Amino acid sequence: MGKMNQQRWEVWYSGHVQGVGFRYTVCSIARGFEVTGYVRNLPDGRVHLVAEGDALELNAFLKQVQNKMAHFIREVRKDGTAGTGEFAAFEVRH
């Protein structure tokens, strides 16, 4: 996977996304994709996901998160920038 094609996508999920295993489900899904980054709860009740990888992997990863957790998600906001390569794996942050 070429680092030049790396993208960084930040996603904010709102709805009933805390206290339902959302972060651990996302982390489990991430293991099936070539993505790195983290997922964490925010004090305002949203979940923040930061993922790096190529666009195809990121798209497939986020689509699976959406499919698996759709009944908890009310709103999704996503921003994308160039990848930084700063992450070695995908993890849950506290």
N, C-alpha and C. Protein backbone atom coordinates (compact mmCIF):
# COMPACT_ATOMS: atom_id res chain seq x y z
N MET A 1 0.86 -1.17 0.00
CA MET A 1 0.00 0.00 0.00
C MET A 1 0.90 1.23 0.00
N GLY A 2 0.85 2.04 -1.02
CA GLY A 2 1.72 3.20 -1.15
C GLY A 2 1.31 4.33 -0.23
N LYS A 3 2.30 4.90 0.45
CA LYS A 3 2.02 6.00 1.39
C LYS A 3 1.54 7.25 0.66
N MET A 4 1.89 7.40 -0.62
CA MET A 4 1.49 8.59 -1.36
C MET A 4 -0.03 8.64 -1.55
N ASN A 5 -0.67 7.47 -1.55
CA ASN A 5 -2.11 7.41 -1.75
C ASN A 5 -2.89 7.43 -0.44
N GLN A 6 -2.18 7.54 0.67
CA GLN A 6 -2.83 7.51 1.98
C GLN A 6 -3.72 8.74 2.18
N GLN A 7 -4.89 8.48 2.70
CA GLN A 7 -5.81 9.55 3.06
C GLN A 7 -6.13 9.43 4.53
N ARG A 8 -6.53 10.53 5.12
CA ARG A 8 -6.95 10.56 6.53
C ARG A 8 -8.39 11.05 6.55
N TRP A 9 -9.28 10.22 7.05
CA TRP A 9 -10.68 10.59 7.16
C TRP A 9 -11.04 10.69 8.63
N GLU A 10 -11.65 11.82 9.00
CA GLU A 10 -12.17 12.00 10.35
C GLU A 10 -13.68 11.97 10.25
N VAL A 11 -14.28 11.17 11.11
CA VAL A 11 -15.73 10.99 11.07
C VAL A 11 -16.28 11.20 12.48
N TRP A 12 -17.37 11.97 12.55
CA TRP A 12 -18.08 12.20 13.81
C TRP A 12 -19.45 11.58 13.69
N TYR A 13 -19.75 10.65 14.59
CA TYR A 13 -21.06 9.98 14.61
C TYR A 13 -21.86 10.53 15.79
N SER A 14 -23.12 10.87 15.53
CA SER A 14 -24.00 11.26 16.63
C SER A 14 -25.25 10.39 16.58
N GLY A 15 -25.94 10.36 17.68
CA GLY A 15 -27.09 9.49 17.86
C GLY A 15 -26.93 8.77 19.18
N HIS A 16 -27.36 7.53 19.25
CA HIS A 16 -27.18 6.71 20.47
C HIS A 16 -25.92 5.87 20.24
N VAL A 17 -24.75 6.54 20.24
CA VAL A 17 -23.51 5.88 19.83
C VAL A 17 -22.54 5.60 20.98
N GLN A 18 -22.90 6.00 22.20
CA GLN A 18 -22.06 5.67 23.35
C GLN A 18 -22.80 4.70 24.25
N GLY A 19 -22.04 3.79 24.86
CA GLY A 19 -22.64 2.81 25.76
C GLY A 19 -23.30 1.65 25.05
N VAL A 20 -23.00 1.48 23.76
CA VAL A 20 -23.62 0.39 22.98
C VAL A 20 -22.56 -0.49 22.30
N GLY A 21 -21.29 -0.36 22.72
CA GLY A 21 -20.22 -1.15 22.12
C GLY A 21 -19.77 -0.62 20.77
N PHE A 22 -20.10 0.63 20.48
CA PHE A 22 -19.79 1.22 19.18
C PHE A 22 -18.28 1.20 18.90
N ARG A 23 -17.47 1.69 19.85
CA ARG A 23 -16.02 1.77 19.62
C ARG A 23 -15.42 0.39 19.41
N TYR A 24 -15.85 -0.58 20.20
CA TYR A 24 -15.26 -1.92 20.09
C TYR A 24 -15.71 -2.61 18.81
N THR A 25 -16.93 -2.34 18.37
CA THR A 25 -17.39 -2.87 17.09
C THR A 25 -16.58 -2.27 15.95
N VAL A 26 -16.37 -0.95 15.99
CA VAL A 26 -15.56 -0.28 14.96
C VAL A 26 -14.15 -0.86 14.92
N CYS A 27 -13.56 -1.07 16.08
CA CYS A 27 -12.20 -1.61 16.16
C CYS A 27 -12.16 -3.03 15.58
N SER A 28 -13.16 -3.82 15.87
CA SER A 28 -13.25 -5.18 15.34
C SER A 28 -13.39 -5.16 13.81
N ILE A 29 -14.22 -4.27 13.29
CA ILE A 29 -14.39 -4.14 11.85
C ILE A 29 -13.08 -3.71 11.20
N ALA A 30 -12.37 -2.80 11.85
CA ALA A 30 -11.11 -2.28 11.29
C ALA A 30 -10.08 -3.37 11.05
N ARG A 31 -10.12 -4.43 11.85
CA ARG A 31 -9.15 -5.53 11.68
C ARG A 31 -9.27 -6.18 10.31
N GLY A 32 -10.43 -6.06 9.67
CA GLY A 32 -10.63 -6.67 8.36
C GLY A 32 -10.21 -5.78 7.20
N PHE A 33 -9.66 -4.62 7.50
CA PHE A 33 -9.27 -3.66 6.46
C PHE A 33 -7.87 -3.15 6.70
N GLU A 34 -7.25 -2.67 5.65
CA GLU A 34 -5.91 -2.08 5.77
C GLU A 34 -6.06 -0.61 6.13
N VAL A 35 -6.47 -0.38 7.38
CA VAL A 35 -6.64 0.99 7.90
C VAL A 35 -5.96 1.08 9.25
N THR A 36 -5.54 2.29 9.59
CA THR A 36 -4.96 2.57 10.90
C THR A 36 -5.68 3.78 11.48
N GLY A 37 -5.53 4.00 12.77
CA GLY A 37 -6.15 5.16 13.40
C GLY A 37 -6.75 4.81 14.74
N TYR A 38 -7.83 5.51 15.09
CA TYR A 38 -8.45 5.28 16.38
C TYR A 38 -9.91 5.71 16.37
N VAL A 39 -10.62 5.28 17.40
CA VAL A 39 -12.00 5.68 17.63
C VAL A 39 -12.11 6.00 19.11
N ARG A 40 -12.85 7.07 19.45
CA ARG A 40 -12.98 7.48 20.85
C ARG A 40 -14.32 8.15 21.07
N ASN A 41 -14.78 8.11 22.32
CA ASN A 41 -15.98 8.84 22.73
C ASN A 41 -15.62 10.30 22.97
N LEU A 42 -16.53 11.20 22.66
CA LEU A 42 -16.36 12.62 22.96
C LEU A 42 -17.28 13.00 24.12
N PRO A 43 -16.91 14.02 24.89
CA PRO A 43 -17.73 14.43 26.03
C PRO A 43 -19.16 14.85 25.67
N ASP A 44 -19.37 15.26 24.41
CA ASP A 44 -20.71 15.73 24.00
C ASP A 44 -21.64 14.59 23.55
N GLY A 45 -21.18 13.34 23.69
CA GLY A 45 -22.02 12.20 23.34
C GLY A 45 -21.77 11.62 21.96
N ARG A 46 -20.94 12.29 21.16
CA ARG A 46 -20.61 11.76 19.83
C ARG A 46 -19.43 10.79 19.92
N VAL A 47 -19.20 10.07 18.83
CA VAL A 47 -18.02 9.23 18.68
C VAL A 47 -17.19 9.81 17.54
N HIS A 48 -15.89 9.91 17.76
CA HIS A 48 -14.94 10.46 16.79
C HIS A 48 -14.05 9.33 16.29
N LEU A 49 -14.00 9.17 14.98
CA LEU A 49 -13.19 8.14 14.34
C LEU A 49 -12.17 8.83 13.45
N VAL A 50 -10.91 8.43 13.55
CA VAL A 50 -9.85 8.91 12.67
C VAL A 50 -9.25 7.68 12.02
N ALA A 51 -9.27 7.62 10.69
CA ALA A 51 -8.74 6.45 9.99
C ALA A 51 -7.89 6.89 8.82
N GLU A 52 -6.80 6.15 8.62
CA GLU A 52 -5.93 6.39 7.47
C GLU A 52 -5.80 5.11 6.67
N GLY A 53 -5.72 5.29 5.36
CA GLY A 53 -5.59 4.18 4.43
C GLY A 53 -5.86 4.71 3.04
N ASP A 54 -5.93 3.81 2.06
CA ASP A 54 -6.29 4.32 0.74
C ASP A 54 -7.81 4.47 0.67
N ALA A 55 -8.26 5.26 -0.28
CA ALA A 55 -9.67 5.63 -0.35
C ALA A 55 -10.59 4.41 -0.46
N LEU A 56 -10.20 3.40 -1.21
CA LEU A 56 -11.05 2.22 -1.36
C LEU A 56 -11.22 1.48 -0.04
N GLU A 57 -10.11 1.31 0.69
CA GLU A 57 -10.18 0.65 1.99
C GLU A 57 -11.01 1.46 2.98
N LEU A 58 -10.76 2.76 3.03
CA LEU A 58 -11.51 3.63 3.94
C LEU A 58 -13.00 3.61 3.63
N ASN A 59 -13.32 3.68 2.36
CA ASN A 59 -14.73 3.67 1.96
C ASN A 59 -15.41 2.36 2.38
N ALA A 60 -14.76 1.24 2.11
CA ALA A 60 -15.33 -0.07 2.46
C ALA A 60 -15.45 -0.22 3.97
N PHE A 61 -14.44 0.23 4.70
CA PHE A 61 -14.44 0.18 6.16
C PHE A 61 -15.61 0.99 6.73
N LEU A 62 -15.74 2.24 6.30
CA LEU A 62 -16.80 3.10 6.83
C LEU A 62 -18.19 2.61 6.42
N LYS A 63 -18.28 2.01 5.24
CA LYS A 63 -19.56 1.46 4.80
C LYS A 63 -19.98 0.30 5.71
N GLN A 64 -19.01 -0.52 6.09
CA GLN A 64 -19.33 -1.64 6.98
C GLN A 64 -19.71 -1.14 8.38
N VAL A 65 -19.01 -0.11 8.87
CA VAL A 65 -19.38 0.49 10.15
C VAL A 65 -20.82 1.01 10.08
N GLN A 66 -21.13 1.71 9.01
CA GLN A 66 -22.48 2.26 8.82
C GLN A 66 -23.52 1.14 8.79
N ASN A 67 -23.24 0.08 8.04
CA ASN A 67 -24.19 -1.03 7.93
C ASN A 67 -24.42 -1.72 9.28
N LYS A 68 -23.33 -1.94 10.01
CA LYS A 68 -23.41 -2.68 11.28
C LYS A 68 -24.05 -1.84 12.40
N MET A 69 -23.79 -0.54 12.40
CA MET A 69 -24.21 0.31 13.52
C MET A 69 -25.32 1.30 13.14
N ALA A 70 -25.94 1.13 11.99
CA ALA A 70 -26.91 2.10 11.46
C ALA A 70 -28.03 2.43 12.44
N HIS A 71 -28.51 1.45 13.19
CA HIS A 71 -29.64 1.70 14.08
C HIS A 71 -29.26 2.59 15.28
N PHE A 72 -27.97 2.84 15.50
CA PHE A 72 -27.53 3.73 16.57
C PHE A 72 -27.17 5.12 16.06
N ILE A 73 -26.92 5.23 14.76
CA ILE A 73 -26.40 6.48 14.17
C ILE A 73 -27.54 7.37 13.69
N ARG A 74 -27.50 8.63 14.12
CA ARG A 74 -28.48 9.61 13.64
C ARG A 74 -27.86 10.50 12.58
N GLU A 75 -26.59 10.87 12.79
CA GLU A 75 -25.94 11.80 11.87
C GLU A 75 -24.46 11.46 11.75
N VAL A 76 -23.91 11.67 10.55
CA VAL A 76 -22.49 11.42 10.29
C VAL A 76 -21.90 12.65 9.61
N ARG A 77 -20.78 13.11 10.13
CA ARG A 77 -20.03 14.19 9.49
C ARG A 77 -18.63 13.68 9.19
N LYS A 78 -18.14 13.92 7.97
CA LYS A 78 -16.84 13.39 7.57
C LYS A 78 -16.00 14.47 6.91
N ASP A 79 -14.72 14.51 7.29
CA ASP A 79 -13.73 15.39 6.65
C ASP A 79 -12.57 14.53 6.20
N GLY A 80 -11.95 14.90 5.08
CA GLY A 80 -10.81 14.15 4.58
C GLY A 80 -9.63 15.04 4.28
N THR A 81 -8.43 14.54 4.58
CA THR A 81 -7.18 15.22 4.26
C THR A 81 -6.16 14.18 3.85
N ALA A 82 -4.96 14.62 3.56
CA ALA A 82 -3.87 13.69 3.22
C ALA A 82 -3.49 12.91 4.47
N GLY A 83 -3.13 11.65 4.28
CA GLY A 83 -2.70 10.81 5.39
C GLY A 83 -1.37 11.27 5.96
N THR A 84 -1.15 10.98 7.24
CA THR A 84 0.09 11.37 7.91
C THR A 84 1.01 10.19 8.16
N GLY A 85 0.45 8.99 8.16
CA GLY A 85 1.26 7.81 8.46
C GLY A 85 1.64 7.68 9.92
N GLU A 86 0.97 8.43 10.79
CA GLU A 86 1.36 8.45 12.21
C GLU A 86 0.89 7.24 13.01
N PHE A 87 -0.03 6.45 12.50
CA PHE A 87 -0.58 5.33 13.25
C PHE A 87 0.01 4.01 12.79
N ALA A 88 0.23 3.11 13.76
CA ALA A 88 0.75 1.78 13.44
C ALA A 88 -0.38 0.75 13.34
N ALA A 89 -1.51 1.03 13.98
CA ALA A 89 -2.63 0.09 14.04
C ALA A 89 -3.91 0.89 14.23
N PHE A 90 -5.01 0.18 14.43
CA PHE A 90 -6.29 0.83 14.73
C PHE A 90 -6.63 0.48 16.16
N GLU A 91 -7.03 1.47 16.97
CA GLU A 91 -7.25 1.22 18.39
C GLU A 91 -8.42 2.04 18.93
N VAL A 92 -8.88 1.62 20.10
CA VAL A 92 -9.86 2.38 20.86
C VAL A 92 -9.07 3.29 21.78
N ARG A 93 -9.40 4.57 21.79
CA ARG A 93 -8.77 5.51 22.72
C ARG A 93 -9.77 5.93 23.77
N HIS A 94 -9.27 6.16 24.97
CA HIS A 94 -10.13 6.53 26.11
C HIS A 94 -9.82 7.94 26.55
